[in-house]
Amino acid sequence: MADDEKVKAALDKMFEAMDELEKLHYRPPEDEARDSSCTFCAKLRSEVKHMIAGPKVFICEECVERCAKLLAELGANDQAI
């Protein structure tokens, strides 16, 4: 399996897991969730498909995808962040 295919397969699994986690994860108050922005890139909730919430932090699916790609690249090279 090519590296691109491995990344795509991993991301597909991750997004499926994100959907499941969305049912279980921390639920911020409605006004906080509605007005949330990604802690990493500052995109608003309305600008992205998924936003994962933690206590006082948020990460969008685009940043998760970037992190997954970075980790895959670093893992292939056995580098530390």
Protein backbone atom coordinates (compact mmCIF):
# COMPACT_ATOMS: atom_id res chain seq x y z
CA MET A 1 0.00 0.00 0.00
CA ALA A 2 1.44 3.39 -1.00
CA ASP A 3 2.07 6.01 1.66
CA ASP A 4 -0.77 8.20 0.30
CA GLU A 5 -3.15 5.26 0.54
CA LYS A 6 -2.00 4.53 4.08
CA VAL A 7 -2.59 8.15 5.10
CA LYS A 8 -6.03 8.15 3.45
CA ALA A 9 -6.99 4.87 5.14
CA ALA A 10 -5.79 6.18 8.50
CA LEU A 11 -7.70 9.44 8.03
CA ASP A 12 -10.87 7.56 7.06
CA LYS A 13 -10.61 5.53 10.26
CA MET A 14 -9.86 8.68 12.24
CA PHE A 15 -12.94 10.48 10.88
CA GLU A 16 -15.11 7.46 11.68
CA ALA A 17 -13.67 7.52 15.20
CA MET A 18 -14.27 11.27 15.39
CA ASP A 19 -17.93 10.70 14.60
CA GLU A 20 -18.13 8.15 17.41
CA LEU A 21 -16.19 10.37 19.80
CA GLU A 22 -18.49 13.25 19.03
CA LYS A 23 -21.19 11.27 20.81
CA LEU A 24 -18.98 10.79 23.90
CA HIS A 25 -16.68 13.80 24.17
CA TYR A 26 -16.88 16.83 26.34
CA ARG A 27 -19.88 18.96 25.44
CA PRO A 28 -19.26 22.65 25.98
CA PRO A 29 -22.17 24.94 26.78
CA GLU A 30 -24.23 25.65 23.65
CA ASP A 31 -23.09 29.27 23.31
CA GLU A 32 -19.43 28.26 23.67
CA ALA A 33 -19.78 25.51 21.06
CA ARG A 34 -21.60 27.76 18.61
CA ASP A 35 -18.97 30.50 18.86
CA SER A 36 -15.97 28.16 19.03
CA SER A 37 -12.89 28.40 16.86
CA CYS A 38 -10.00 26.00 16.36
CA THR A 39 -7.28 26.56 18.93
CA PHE A 40 -4.64 25.79 16.26
CA CYS A 41 -5.81 27.65 13.11
CA ALA A 42 -8.56 29.93 14.48
CA LYS A 43 -11.17 28.82 11.91
CA LEU A 44 -14.70 29.25 13.17
CA ARG A 45 -17.00 26.29 13.82
CA SER A 46 -19.13 27.43 10.88
CA GLU A 47 -16.12 27.18 8.53
CA VAL A 48 -15.31 23.51 9.16
CA LYS A 49 -17.14 20.19 8.99
CA HIS A 50 -16.05 18.82 12.39
CA MET A 51 -14.78 20.47 15.55
CA ILE A 52 -13.54 18.36 18.48
CA ALA A 53 -13.98 20.02 21.83
CA GLY A 54 -12.04 19.65 25.04
CA PRO A 55 -12.22 21.74 28.16
CA LYS A 56 -11.58 25.25 26.79
CA VAL A 57 -9.86 23.96 23.59
CA PHE A 58 -11.07 23.01 20.12
CA ILE A 59 -9.42 21.41 17.09
CA CYS A 60 -10.92 21.23 13.61
CA GLU A 61 -10.72 18.21 11.30
CA GLU A 62 -8.34 20.10 8.99
CA CYS A 63 -5.79 20.51 11.79
CA VAL A 64 -6.27 16.89 12.84
CA GLU A 65 -5.58 15.87 9.23
CA ARG A 66 -2.43 18.02 9.12
CA CYS A 67 -1.26 16.50 12.40
CA ALA A 68 -1.91 12.96 11.14
CA LYS A 69 0.12 13.61 7.99
CA LEU A 70 2.94 15.14 10.02
CA LEU A 71 2.98 12.20 12.41
CA ALA A 72 2.98 9.76 9.49
CA GLU A 73 5.95 11.56 7.93
CA LEU A 74 7.80 11.76 11.21
CA GLY A 75 7.04 8.13 12.01
CA ALA A 76 8.43 7.03 8.66
CA ASN A 77 11.62 8.92 9.43
CA ASP A 78 11.65 8.10 13.18
CA GLN A 79 11.95 11.78 14.01
CA ALA A 80 10.75 13.49 17.15
CA ILE A 81 8.59 16.57 17.08
